[in-house]
Amino acid sequence: MLKKSARIHSLDSLRAVSIFLVCIGHLAGTVNFPEFLLPLHKIGNFGVKIFFVISGFLITLLLLQENSRTGSIDLKQFYIRRSIRLFPAFYFYILCMALTDRLGVILIFW
């Protein structure tokens, strides 16, 4: 089994590709996006699927490691650790969206 600090570097590249595909999917059809690339809007869905497969793999790996280490899985602690890891990025995103709306860069329909 992999150690907790071990990192699967090949998944980082795959994650970057999936995020790129999602970004292209979101950009396709927006103002000033090259029209010949418009059919790429469907590729974002594929990027999301790749990202979720990676996430499922990593979550399963973490749970298997915990089970191997302790003989059981504490789901409550698992979700607490996930929340501590994910919520800062979520709140930062909300802050950026609120600021860009407040500055008039974007318009959010609250």
PDB file of N, CA and C in Angstrom:
ATOM      1  N   MET A   1       0.833  -1.198   0.000  1.00  0.00           N
ATOM      2  CA  MET A   1       0.000   0.000   0.000  1.00  0.00           C
ATOM      3  C   MET A   1       0.876   1.259   0.000  1.00  0.00           C
ATOM      4  N   LEU A   2       0.330   2.323  -0.558  1.00  0.00           N
ATOM      5  CA  LEU A   2       1.042   3.595  -0.578  1.00  0.00           C
ATOM      6  C   LEU A   2       0.975   4.264   0.787  1.00  0.00           C
ATOM      7  N   LYS A   3       2.014   4.971   1.119  1.00  0.00           N
ATOM      8  CA  LYS A   3       2.002   5.744   2.350  1.00  0.00           C
ATOM      9  C   LYS A   3       1.094   6.944   2.158  1.00  0.00           C
ATOM     10  N   LYS A   4       0.632   7.514   3.278  1.00  0.00           N
ATOM     11  CA  LYS A   4      -0.282   8.649   3.216  1.00  0.00           C
ATOM     12  C   LYS A   4       0.348   9.832   2.487  1.00  0.00           C
ATOM     13  N   SER A   5       1.648  10.041   2.669  1.00  0.00           N
ATOM     14  CA  SER A   5       2.317  11.186   2.051  1.00  0.00           C
ATOM     15  C   SER A   5       2.702  10.918   0.596  1.00  0.00           C
ATOM     16  N   ALA A   6       2.565   9.678   0.156  1.00  0.00           N
ATOM     17  CA  ALA A   6       2.921   9.348  -1.227  1.00  0.00           C
ATOM     18  C   ALA A   6       1.973  10.059  -2.182  1.00  0.00           C
ATOM     19  N   ARG A   7       2.513  10.476  -3.284  1.00  0.00           N
ATOM     20  CA  ARG A   7       1.732  11.204  -4.275  1.00  0.00           C
ATOM     21  C   ARG A   7       1.825  10.458  -5.600  1.00  0.00           C
ATOM     22  N   ILE A   8       0.709  10.372  -6.298  1.00  0.00           N
ATOM     23  CA  ILE A   8       0.697   9.714  -7.602  1.00  0.00           C
ATOM     24  C   ILE A   8       0.797  10.822  -8.652  1.00  0.00           C
ATOM     25  N   HIS A   9       2.018  11.082  -9.088  1.00  0.00           N
ATOM     26  CA  HIS A   9       2.270  12.228  -9.960  1.00  0.00           C
ATOM     27  C   HIS A   9       1.565  12.119 -11.313  1.00  0.00           C
ATOM     28  N   SER A  10       1.403  10.924 -11.818  1.00  0.00           N
ATOM     29  CA  SER A  10       0.723  10.776 -13.103  1.00  0.00           C
ATOM     30  C   SER A  10      -0.729  11.227 -13.025  1.00  0.00           C
ATOM     31  N   LEU A  11      -1.334  11.110 -11.843  1.00  0.00           N
ATOM     32  CA  LEU A  11      -2.714  11.578 -11.682  1.00  0.00           C
ATOM     33  C   LEU A  11      -2.795  13.106 -11.697  1.00  0.00           C
ATOM     34  N   ASP A  12      -1.720  13.763 -11.271  1.00  0.00           N
ATOM     35  CA  ASP A  12      -1.705  15.227 -11.336  1.00  0.00           C
ATOM     36  C   ASP A  12      -1.831  15.693 -12.785  1.00  0.00           C
ATOM     37  N   SER A  13      -1.112  15.035 -13.683  1.00  0.00           N
ATOM     38  CA  SER A  13      -1.196  15.389 -15.103  1.00  0.00           C
ATOM     39  C   SER A  13      -2.585  15.111 -15.658  1.00  0.00           C
ATOM     40  N   LEU A  14      -3.141  13.985 -15.306  1.00  0.00           N
ATOM     41  CA  LEU A  14      -4.484  13.643 -15.769  1.00  0.00           C
ATOM     42  C   LEU A  14      -5.518  14.616 -15.211  1.00  0.00           C
ATOM     43  N   ARG A  15      -5.330  15.019 -13.971  1.00  0.00           N
ATOM     44  CA  ARG A  15      -6.226  16.017 -13.361  1.00  0.00           C
ATOM     45  C   ARG A  15      -6.113  17.346 -14.105  1.00  0.00           C
ATOM     46  N   ALA A  16      -4.907  17.751 -14.456  1.00  0.00           N
ATOM     47  CA  ALA A  16      -4.709  19.000 -15.204  1.00  0.00           C
ATOM     48  C   ALA A  16      -5.399  18.929 -16.562  1.00  0.00           C
ATOM     49  N   VAL A  17      -5.294  17.794 -17.236  1.00  0.00           N
ATOM     50  CA  VAL A  17      -5.966  17.634 -18.527  1.00  0.00           C
ATOM     51  C   VAL A  17      -7.478  17.744 -18.351  1.00  0.00           C
ATOM     52  N   SER A  18      -8.013  17.105 -17.322  1.00  0.00           N
ATOM     53  CA  SER A  18      -9.460  17.152 -17.118  1.00  0.00           C
ATOM     54  C   SER A  18      -9.932  18.578 -16.821  1.00  0.00           C
ATOM     55  N   ILE A  19      -9.171  19.315 -16.031  1.00  0.00           N
ATOM     56  CA  ILE A  19      -9.535  20.711 -15.730  1.00  0.00           C
ATOM     57  C   ILE A  19      -9.465  21.554 -16.997  1.00  0.00           C
ATOM     58  N   PHE A  20      -8.444  21.327 -17.834  1.00  0.00           N
ATOM     59  CA  PHE A  20      -8.325  22.044 -19.105  1.00  0.00           C
ATOM     60  C   PHE A  20      -9.549  21.774 -19.986  1.00  0.00           C
ATOM     61  N   LEU A  21      -9.967  20.520 -20.062  1.00  0.00           N
ATOM     62  CA  LEU A  21     -11.138  20.174 -20.879  1.00  0.00           C
ATOM     63  C   LEU A  21     -12.397  20.864 -20.361  1.00  0.00           C
ATOM     64  N   VAL A  22     -12.552  20.919 -19.056  1.00  0.00           N
ATOM     65  CA  VAL A  22     -13.714  21.596 -18.472  1.00  0.00           C
ATOM     66  C   VAL A  22     -13.669  23.088 -18.801  1.00  0.00           C
ATOM     67  N   CYS A  23     -12.498  23.694 -18.691  1.00  0.00           N
ATOM     68  CA  CYS A  23     -12.366  25.129 -19.007  1.00  0.00           C
ATOM     69  C   CYS A  23     -12.699  25.399 -20.473  1.00  0.00           C
ATOM     70  N   ILE A  24     -12.196  24.570 -21.372  1.00  0.00           N
ATOM     71  CA  ILE A  24     -12.511  24.732 -22.796  1.00  0.00           C
ATOM     72  C   ILE A  24     -14.015  24.584 -23.015  1.00  0.00           C
ATOM     73  N   GLY A  25     -14.610  23.595 -22.353  1.00  0.00           N
ATOM     74  CA  GLY A  25     -16.052  23.389 -22.472  1.00  0.00           C
ATOM     75  C   GLY A  25     -16.849  24.600 -22.021  1.00  0.00           C
ATOM     76  N   HIS A  26     -16.389  25.250 -20.957  1.00  0.00           N
ATOM     77  CA  HIS A  26     -17.080  26.446 -20.462  1.00  0.00           C
ATOM     78  C   HIS A  26     -16.842  27.649 -21.363  1.00  0.00           C
ATOM     79  N   LEU A  27     -15.659  27.741 -21.937  1.00  0.00           N
ATOM     80  CA  LEU A  27     -15.335  28.882 -22.786  1.00  0.00           C
ATOM     81  C   LEU A  27     -16.027  28.820 -24.148  1.00  0.00           C
ATOM     82  N   ALA A  28     -16.236  27.613 -24.656  1.00  0.00           N
ATOM     83  CA  ALA A  28     -16.855  27.465 -25.985  1.00  0.00           C
ATOM     84  C   ALA A  28     -18.227  28.114 -25.990  1.00  0.00           C
ATOM     85  N   GLY A  29     -18.432  28.986 -26.921  1.00  0.00           N
ATOM     86  CA  GLY A  29     -19.709  29.671 -27.041  1.00  0.00           C
ATOM     87  C   GLY A  29     -19.763  31.011 -26.336  1.00  0.00           C
ATOM     88  N   THR A  30     -18.694  31.379 -25.625  1.00  0.00           N
ATOM     89  CA  THR A  30     -18.686  32.684 -24.980  1.00  0.00           C
ATOM     90  C   THR A  30     -18.245  33.749 -25.980  1.00  0.00           C
ATOM     91  N   VAL A  31     -18.410  34.989 -25.615  1.00  0.00           N
ATOM     92  CA  VAL A  31     -18.058  36.111 -26.483  1.00  0.00           C
ATOM     93  C   VAL A  31     -16.569  36.040 -26.833  1.00  0.00           C
ATOM     94  N   ASN A  32     -16.256  36.227 -28.100  1.00  0.00           N
ATOM     95  CA  ASN A  32     -14.887  36.254 -28.637  1.00  0.00           C
ATOM     96  C   ASN A  32     -14.174  34.910 -28.640  1.00  0.00           C
ATOM     97  N   PHE A  33     -14.853  33.832 -28.300  1.00  0.00           N
ATOM     98  CA  PHE A  33     -14.238  32.508 -28.410  1.00  0.00           C
ATOM     99  C   PHE A  33     -14.315  32.104 -29.878  1.00  0.00           C
ATOM    100  N   PRO A  34     -13.222  31.591 -30.449  1.00  0.00           N
ATOM    101  CA  PRO A  34     -13.235  31.242 -31.877  1.00  0.00           C
ATOM    102  C   PRO A  34     -14.409  30.326 -32.237  1.00  0.00           C
ATOM    103  N   GLU A  35     -15.167  30.737 -33.237  1.00  0.00           N
ATOM    104  CA  GLU A  35     -16.380  30.001 -33.608  1.00  0.00           C
ATOM    105  C   GLU A  35     -16.101  28.586 -34.092  1.00  0.00           C
ATOM    106  N   PHE A  36     -14.947  28.389 -34.738  1.00  0.00           N
ATOM    107  CA  PHE A  36     -14.658  27.052 -35.252  1.00  0.00           C
ATOM    108  C   PHE A  36     -14.417  26.052 -34.109  1.00  0.00           C
ATOM    109  N   LEU A  37     -14.186  26.554 -32.902  1.00  0.00           N
ATOM    110  CA  LEU A  37     -13.998  25.678 -31.748  1.00  0.00           C
ATOM    111  C   LEU A  37     -15.302  25.437 -30.976  1.00  0.00           C
ATOM    112  N   LEU A  38     -16.403  25.989 -31.465  1.00  0.00           N
ATOM    113  CA  LEU A  38     -17.687  25.852 -30.788  1.00  0.00           C
ATOM    114  C   LEU A  38     -18.080  24.395 -30.510  1.00  0.00           C
ATOM    115  N   PRO A  39     -17.809  23.449 -31.404  1.00  0.00           N
ATOM    116  CA  PRO A  39     -18.176  22.054 -31.098  1.00  0.00           C
ATOM    117  C   PRO A  39     -17.474  21.482 -29.855  1.00  0.00           C
ATOM    118  N   LEU A  40     -16.456  22.168 -29.352  1.00  0.00           N
ATOM    119  CA  LEU A  40     -15.740  21.676 -28.177  1.00  0.00           C
ATOM    120  C   LEU A  40     -16.519  21.846 -26.871  1.00  0.00           C
ATOM    121  N   HIS A  41     -17.696  22.467 -26.926  1.00  0.00           N
ATOM    122  CA  HIS A  41     -18.433  22.685 -25.678  1.00  0.00           C
ATOM    123  C   HIS A  41     -18.806  21.365 -25.003  1.00  0.00           C
ATOM    124  N   LYS A  42     -18.926  20.291 -25.758  1.00  0.00           N
ATOM    125  CA  LYS A  42     -19.284  18.996 -25.183  1.00  0.00           C
ATOM    126  C   LYS A  42     -18.096  18.318 -24.499  1.00  0.00           C
ATOM    127  N   ILE A  43     -16.896  18.779 -24.781  1.00  0.00           N
ATOM    128  CA  ILE A  43     -15.706  18.148 -24.219  1.00  0.00           C
ATOM    129  C   ILE A  43     -15.586  18.407 -22.716  1.00  0.00           C
ATOM    130  N   GLY A  44     -16.233  19.457 -22.235  1.00  0.00           N
ATOM    131  CA  GLY A  44     -16.219  19.755 -20.805  1.00  0.00           C
ATOM    132  C   GLY A  44     -16.836  18.638 -19.987  1.00  0.00           C
ATOM    133  N   ASN A  45     -17.885  18.031 -20.508  1.00  0.00           N
ATOM    134  CA  ASN A  45     -18.533  16.919 -19.820  1.00  0.00           C
ATOM    135  C   ASN A  45     -17.566  15.741 -19.666  1.00  0.00           C
ATOM    136  N   PHE A  46     -16.769  15.492 -20.683  1.00  0.00           N
ATOM    137  CA  PHE A  46     -15.767  14.427 -20.620  1.00  0.00           C
ATOM    138  C   PHE A  46     -14.719  14.741 -19.553  1.00  0.00           C
ATOM    139  N   GLY A  47     -14.313  16.013 -19.465  1.00  0.00           N
ATOM    140  CA  GLY A  47     -13.354  16.429 -18.444  1.00  0.00           C
ATOM    141  C   GLY A  47     -13.899  16.215 -17.042  1.00  0.00           C
ATOM    142  N   VAL A  48     -15.182  16.501 -16.841  1.00  0.00           N
ATOM    143  CA  VAL A  48     -15.818  16.281 -15.542  1.00  0.00           C
ATOM    144  C   VAL A  48     -15.805  14.796 -15.195  1.00  0.00           C
ATOM    145  N   LYS A  49     -16.111  13.962 -16.173  1.00  0.00           N
ATOM    146  CA  LYS A  49     -16.111  12.512 -15.932  1.00  0.00           C
ATOM    147  C   LYS A  49     -14.718  12.014 -15.546  1.00  0.00           C
ATOM    148  N   ILE A  50     -13.694  12.489 -16.234  1.00  0.00           N
ATOM    149  CA  ILE A  50     -12.320  12.107 -15.895  1.00  0.00           C
ATOM    150  C   ILE A  50     -12.010  12.526 -14.464  1.00  0.00           C
ATOM    151  N   PHE A  51     -12.377  13.751 -14.115  1.00  0.00           N
ATOM    152  CA  PHE A  51     -12.089  14.274 -12.779  1.00  0.00           C
ATOM    153  C   PHE A  51     -12.775  13.432 -11.704  1.00  0.00           C
ATOM    154  N   PHE A  52     -14.032  13.040 -11.943  1.00  0.00           N
ATOM    155  CA  PHE A  52     -14.753  12.238 -10.956  1.00  0.00           C
ATOM    156  C   PHE A  52     -14.185  10.825 -10.840  1.00  0.00           C
ATOM    157  N   VAL A  53     -13.707  10.268 -11.933  1.00  0.00           N
ATOM    158  CA  VAL A  53     -13.072   8.944 -11.865  1.00  0.00           C
ATOM    159  C   VAL A  53     -11.799   9.030 -11.028  1.00  0.00           C
ATOM    160  N   ILE A  54     -11.001  10.070 -11.246  1.00  0.00           N
ATOM    161  CA  ILE A  54      -9.789  10.269 -10.456  1.00  0.00           C
ATOM    162  C   ILE A  54     -10.145  10.429  -8.983  1.00  0.00           C
ATOM    163  N   SER A  55     -11.145  11.253  -8.694  1.00  0.00           N
ATOM    164  CA  SER A  55     -11.561  11.478  -7.311  1.00  0.00           C
ATOM    165  C   SER A  55     -12.031  10.186  -6.662  1.00  0.00           C
ATOM    166  N   GLY A  56     -12.830   9.419  -7.377  1.00  0.00           N
ATOM    167  CA  GLY A  56     -13.302   8.146  -6.839  1.00  0.00           C
ATOM    168  C   GLY A  56     -12.156   7.195  -6.541  1.00  0.00           C
ATOM    169  N   PHE A  57     -11.183   7.161  -7.441  1.00  0.00           N
ATOM    170  CA  PHE A  57     -10.009   6.319  -7.226  1.00  0.00           C
ATOM    171  C   PHE A  57      -9.249   6.748  -5.975  1.00  0.00           C
ATOM    172  N   LEU A  58      -9.009   8.052  -5.848  1.00  0.00           N
ATOM    173  CA  LEU A  58      -8.237   8.546  -4.702  1.00  0.00           C
ATOM    174  C   LEU A  58      -8.979   8.356  -3.387  1.00  0.00           C
ATOM    175  N   ILE A  59     -10.282   8.581  -3.388  1.00  0.00           N
ATOM    176  CA  ILE A  59     -11.067   8.377  -2.174  1.00  0.00           C
ATOM    177  C   ILE A  59     -11.047   6.906  -1.776  1.00  0.00           C
ATOM    178  N   THR A  60     -11.217   6.023  -2.751  1.00  0.00           N
ATOM    179  CA  THR A  60     -11.158   4.589  -2.471  1.00  0.00           C
ATOM    180  C   THR A  60      -9.792   4.206  -1.920  1.00  0.00           C
ATOM    181  N   LEU A  61      -8.734   4.754  -2.511  1.00  0.00           N
ATOM    182  CA  LEU A  61      -7.378   4.475  -2.049  1.00  0.00           C
ATOM    183  C   LEU A  61      -7.187   4.925  -0.599  1.00  0.00           C
ATOM    184  N   LEU A  62      -7.674   6.116  -0.268  1.00  0.00           N
ATOM    185  CA  LEU A  62      -7.564   6.612   1.103  1.00  0.00           C
ATOM    186  C   LEU A  62      -8.316   5.722   2.088  1.00  0.00           C
ATOM    187  N   LEU A  63      -9.509   5.301   1.702  1.00  0.00           N
ATOM    188  CA  LEU A  63     -10.303   4.443   2.586  1.00  0.00           C
ATOM    189  C   LEU A  63      -9.639   3.073   2.761  1.00  0.00           C
ATOM    190  N   LEU A  64      -9.079   2.526   1.692  1.00  0.00           N
ATOM    191  CA  LEU A  64      -8.373   1.249   1.792  1.00  0.00           C
ATOM    192  C   LEU A  64      -7.125   1.368   2.674  1.00  0.00           C
ATOM    193  N   GLN A  65      -6.426   2.481   2.555  1.00  0.00           N
ATOM    194  CA  GLN A  65      -5.247   2.703   3.395  1.00  0.00           C
ATOM    195  C   GLN A  65      -5.632   2.787   4.862  1.00  0.00           C
ATOM    196  N   GLU A  66      -6.720   3.514   5.152  1.00  0.00           N
ATOM    197  CA  GLU A  66      -7.174   3.621   6.534  1.00  0.00           C
ATOM    198  C   GLU A  66      -7.588   2.253   7.065  1.00  0.00           C
ATOM    199  N   ASN A  67      -8.297   1.488   6.256  1.00  0.00           N
ATOM    200  CA  ASN A  67      -8.723   0.157   6.668  1.00  0.00           C
ATOM    201  C   ASN A  67      -7.520  -0.751   6.915  1.00  0.00           C
ATOM    202  N   SER A  68      -6.514  -0.640   6.078  1.00  0.00           N
ATOM    203  CA  SER A  68      -5.300  -1.442   6.234  1.00  0.00           C
ATOM    204  C   SER A  68      -4.543  -1.040   7.497  1.00  0.00           C
ATOM    205  N   ARG A  69      -4.508   0.252   7.779  1.00  0.00           N
ATOM    206  CA  ARG A  69      -3.769   0.786   8.918  1.00  0.00           C
ATOM    207  C   ARG A  69      -4.465   0.497  10.243  1.00  0.00           C
ATOM    208  N   THR A  70      -5.793   0.694  10.287  1.00  0.00           N
ATOM    209  CA  THR A  70      -6.511   0.629  11.560  1.00  0.00           C
ATOM    210  C   THR A  70      -7.444  -0.567  11.675  1.00  0.00           C
ATOM    211  N   GLY A  71      -7.745  -1.226  10.569  1.00  0.00           N
ATOM    212  CA  GLY A  71      -8.669  -2.348  10.605  1.00  0.00           C
ATOM    213  C   GLY A  71     -10.115  -1.940  10.448  1.00  0.00           C
ATOM    214  N   SER A  72     -10.370  -0.633  10.323  1.00  0.00           N
ATOM    215  CA  SER A  72     -11.741  -0.148  10.111  1.00  0.00           C
ATOM    216  C   SER A  72     -11.684   1.208   9.423  1.00  0.00           C
ATOM    217  N   ILE A  73     -12.868   1.711   9.093  1.00  0.00           N
ATOM    218  CA  ILE A  73     -12.972   3.022   8.449  1.00  0.00           C
ATOM    219  C   ILE A  73     -13.908   3.888   9.286  1.00  0.00           C
ATOM    220  N   ASP A  74     -13.407   5.031   9.715  1.00  0.00           N
ATOM    221  CA  ASP A  74     -14.218   5.987  10.469  1.00  0.00           C
ATOM    222  C   ASP A  74     -14.737   7.023   9.474  1.00  0.00           C
ATOM    223  N   LEU A  75     -15.962   6.814   8.985  1.00  0.00           N
ATOM    224  CA  LEU A  75     -16.518   7.712   7.964  1.00  0.00           C
ATOM    225  C   LEU A  75     -16.687   9.142   8.461  1.00  0.00           C
ATOM    226  N   LYS A  76     -17.045   9.296   9.720  1.00  0.00           N
ATOM    227  CA  LYS A  76     -17.209  10.651  10.264  1.00  0.00           C
ATOM    228  C   LYS A  76     -15.888  11.414  10.168  1.00  0.00           C
ATOM    229  N   GLN A  77     -14.794  10.794  10.622  1.00  0.00           N
ATOM    230  CA  GLN A  77     -13.485  11.441  10.542  1.00  0.00           C
ATOM    231  C   GLN A  77     -13.050  11.647   9.101  1.00  0.00           C
ATOM    232  N   PHE A  78     -13.390  10.699   8.236  1.00  0.00           N
ATOM    233  CA  PHE A  78     -13.057  10.836   6.818  1.00  0.00           C
ATOM    234  C   PHE A  78     -13.715  12.083   6.230  1.00  0.00           C
ATOM    235  N   TYR A  79     -15.011  12.276   6.504  1.00  0.00           N
ATOM    236  CA  TYR A  79     -15.720  13.441   5.981  1.00  0.00           C
ATOM    237  C   TYR A  79     -15.231  14.736   6.616  1.00  0.00           C
ATOM    238  N   ILE A  80     -14.846  14.689   7.865  1.00  0.00           N
ATOM    239  CA  ILE A  80     -14.274  15.885   8.507  1.00  0.00           C
ATOM    240  C   ILE A  80     -12.967  16.264   7.820  1.00  0.00           C
ATOM    241  N   ARG A  81     -12.102  15.264   7.570  1.00  0.00           N
ATOM    242  CA  ARG A  81     -10.830  15.549   6.868  1.00  0.00           C
ATOM    243  C   ARG A  81     -11.078  16.089   5.464  1.00  0.00           C
ATOM    244  N   ARG A  82     -12.030  15.510   4.743  1.00  0.00           N
ATOM    245  CA  ARG A  82     -12.368  15.986   3.392  1.00  0.00           C
ATOM    246  C   ARG A  82     -12.865  17.424   3.445  1.00  0.00           C
ATOM    247  N   SER A  83     -13.725  17.727   4.417  1.00  0.00           N
ATOM    248  CA  SER A  83     -14.272  19.084   4.546  1.00  0.00           C
ATOM    249  C   SER A  83     -13.174  20.099   4.821  1.00  0.00           C
ATOM    250  N   ILE A  84     -12.277  19.752   5.730  1.00  0.00           N
ATOM    251  CA  ILE A  84     -11.173  20.657   6.054  1.00  0.00           C
ATOM    252  C   ILE A  84     -10.305  20.903   4.817  1.00  0.00           C
ATOM    253  N   ARG A  85     -10.182  19.901   3.972  1.00  0.00           N
ATOM    254  CA  ARG A  85      -9.363  20.043   2.764  1.00  0.00           C
ATOM    255  C   ARG A  85     -10.087  20.826   1.660  1.00  0.00           C
ATOM    256  N   LEU A  86     -11.399  20.625   1.513  1.00  0.00           N
ATOM    257  CA  LEU A  86     -12.127  21.204   0.380  1.00  0.00           C
ATOM    258  C   LEU A  86     -12.744  22.572   0.659  1.00  0.00           C
ATOM    259  N   PHE A  87     -13.217  22.804   1.865  1.00  0.00           N
ATOM    260  CA  PHE A  87     -13.951  24.048   2.132  1.00  0.00           C
ATOM    261  C   PHE A  87     -13.133  25.325   1.946  1.00  0.00           C
ATOM    262  N   PRO A  88     -11.844  25.370   2.290  1.00  0.00           N
ATOM    263  CA  PRO A  88     -11.099  26.614   2.025  1.00  0.00           C
ATOM    264  C   PRO A  88     -11.131  27.020   0.546  1.00  0.00           C
ATOM    265  N   ALA A  89     -10.979  26.071  -0.358  1.00  0.00           N
ATOM    266  CA  ALA A  89     -11.034  26.394  -1.792  1.00  0.00           C
ATOM    267  C   ALA A  89     -12.439  26.840  -2.179  1.00  0.00           C
ATOM    268  N   PHE A  90     -13.444  26.198  -1.619  1.00  0.00           N
ATOM    269  CA  PHE A  90     -14.830  26.562  -1.897  1.00  0.00           C
ATOM    270  C   PHE A  90     -15.115  27.997  -1.437  1.00  0.00           C
ATOM    271  N   TYR A  91     -14.715  28.324  -0.216  1.00  0.00           N
ATOM    272  CA  TYR A  91     -14.954  29.681   0.289  1.00  0.00           C
ATOM    273  C   TYR A  91     -14.149  30.722  -0.480  1.00  0.00           C
ATOM    274  N   PHE A  92     -12.938  30.373  -0.905  1.00  0.00           N
ATOM    275  CA  PHE A  92     -12.140  31.290  -1.711  1.00  0.00           C
ATOM    276  C   PHE A  92     -12.841  31.564  -3.044  1.00  0.00           C
ATOM    277  N   TYR A  93     -13.405  30.539  -3.648  1.00  0.00           N
ATOM    278  CA  TYR A  93     -14.145  30.697  -4.903  1.00  0.00           C
ATOM    279  C   TYR A  93     -15.346  31.627  -4.696  1.00  0.00           C
ATOM    280  N   ILE A  94     -16.105  31.400  -3.649  1.00  0.00           N
ATOM    281  CA  ILE A  94     -17.271  32.246  -3.355  1.00  0.00           C
ATOM    282  C   ILE A  94     -16.830  33.696  -3.145  1.00  0.00           C
ATOM    283  N   LEU A  95     -15.730  33.891  -2.418  1.00  0.00           N
ATOM    284  CA  LEU A  95     -15.201  35.236  -2.193  1.00  0.00           C
ATOM    285  C   LEU A  95     -14.813  35.901  -3.515  1.00  0.00           C
ATOM    286  N   CYS A  96     -14.116  35.174  -4.390  1.00  0.00           N
ATOM    287  CA  CYS A  96     -13.715  35.730  -5.692  1.00  0.00           C
ATOM    288  C   CYS A  96     -14.932  36.100  -6.532  1.00  0.00           C
ATOM    289  N   MET A  97     -15.935  35.239  -6.542  1.00  0.00           N
ATOM    290  CA  MET A  97     -17.151  35.520  -7.306  1.00  0.00           C
ATOM    291  C   MET A  97     -17.866  36.754  -6.756  1.00  0.00           C
ATOM    292  N   ALA A  98     -17.974  36.852  -5.438  1.00  0.00           N
ATOM    293  CA  ALA A  98     -18.634  38.003  -4.826  1.00  0.00           C
ATOM    294  C   ALA A  98     -17.864  39.291  -5.118  1.00  0.00           C
ATOM    295  N   LEU A  99     -16.534  39.233  -5.046  1.00  0.00           N
ATOM    296  CA  LEU A  99     -15.727  40.427  -5.322  1.00  0.00           C
ATOM    297  C   LEU A  99     -15.833  40.864  -6.780  1.00  0.00           C
ATOM    298  N   THR A 100     -15.744  39.913  -7.706  1.00  0.00           N
ATOM    299  CA  THR A 100     -15.839  40.292  -9.114  1.00  0.00           C
ATOM    300  C   THR A 100     -17.234  40.811  -9.452  1.00  0.00           C
ATOM    301  N   ASP A 101     -18.250  40.296  -8.787  1.00  0.00           N
ATOM    302  CA  ASP A 101     -19.600  40.834  -8.971  1.00  0.00           C
ATOM    303  C   ASP A 101     -19.673  42.253  -8.407  1.00  0.00           C
ATOM    304  N   ARG A 102     -19.130  42.434  -7.225  1.00  0.00           N
ATOM    305  CA  ARG A 102     -19.158  43.749  -6.558  1.00  0.00           C
ATOM    306  C   ARG A 102     -18.391  44.800  -7.367  1.00  0.00           C
ATOM    307  N   LEU A 103     -17.292  44.382  -8.014  1.00  0.00           N
ATOM    308  CA  LEU A 103     -16.490  45.301  -8.818  1.00  0.00           C
ATOM    309  C   LEU A 103     -17.074  45.527 -10.214  1.00  0.00           C
ATOM    310  N   GLY A 104     -18.126  44.803 -10.549  1.00  0.00           N
ATOM    311  CA  GLY A 104     -18.779  44.986 -11.840  1.00  0.00           C
ATOM    312  C   GLY A 104     -18.131  44.213 -12.978  1.00  0.00           C
ATOM    313  N   VAL A 105     -17.201  43.323 -12.660  1.00  0.00           N
ATOM    314  CA  VAL A 105     -16.539  42.539 -13.695  1.00  0.00           C
ATOM    315  C   VAL A 105     -17.507  41.507 -14.262  1.00  0.00           C
ATOM    316  N   ILE A 106     -18.289  40.905 -13.390  1.00  0.00           N
ATOM    317  CA  ILE A 106     -19.318  39.941 -13.794  1.00  0.00           C
ATOM    318  C   ILE A 106     -20.627  40.341 -13.146  1.00  0.00           C
ATOM    319  N   LEU A 107     -21.697  39.742 -13.610  1.00  0.00           N
ATOM    320  CA  LEU A 107     -23.019  39.999 -13.034  1.00  0.00           C
ATOM    321  C   LEU A 107     -23.593  38.663 -12.556  1.00  0.00           C
ATOM    322  N   ILE A 108     -23.828  38.580 -11.261  1.00  0.00           N
ATOM    323  CA  ILE A 108     -24.414  37.368 -10.690  1.00  0.00           C
ATOM    324  C   ILE A 108     -25.864  37.665 -10.365  1.00  0.00           C
ATOM    325  N   PHE A 109     -26.738  36.798 -10.819  1.00  0.00           N
ATOM    326  CA  PHE A 109     -28.146  36.913 -10.480  1.00  0.00           C
ATOM    327  C   PHE A 109     -28.387  36.154  -9.192  1.00  0.00           C
ATOM    328  N   TRP A 110     -28.408  36.876  -8.084  1.00  0.00           N
ATOM    329  CA  TRP A 110     -28.518  36.246  -6.773  1.00  0.00           C
ATOM    330  C   TRP A 110     -29.885  35.633  -6.611  1.00  0.00           C
TER     331      TRP A 110
END
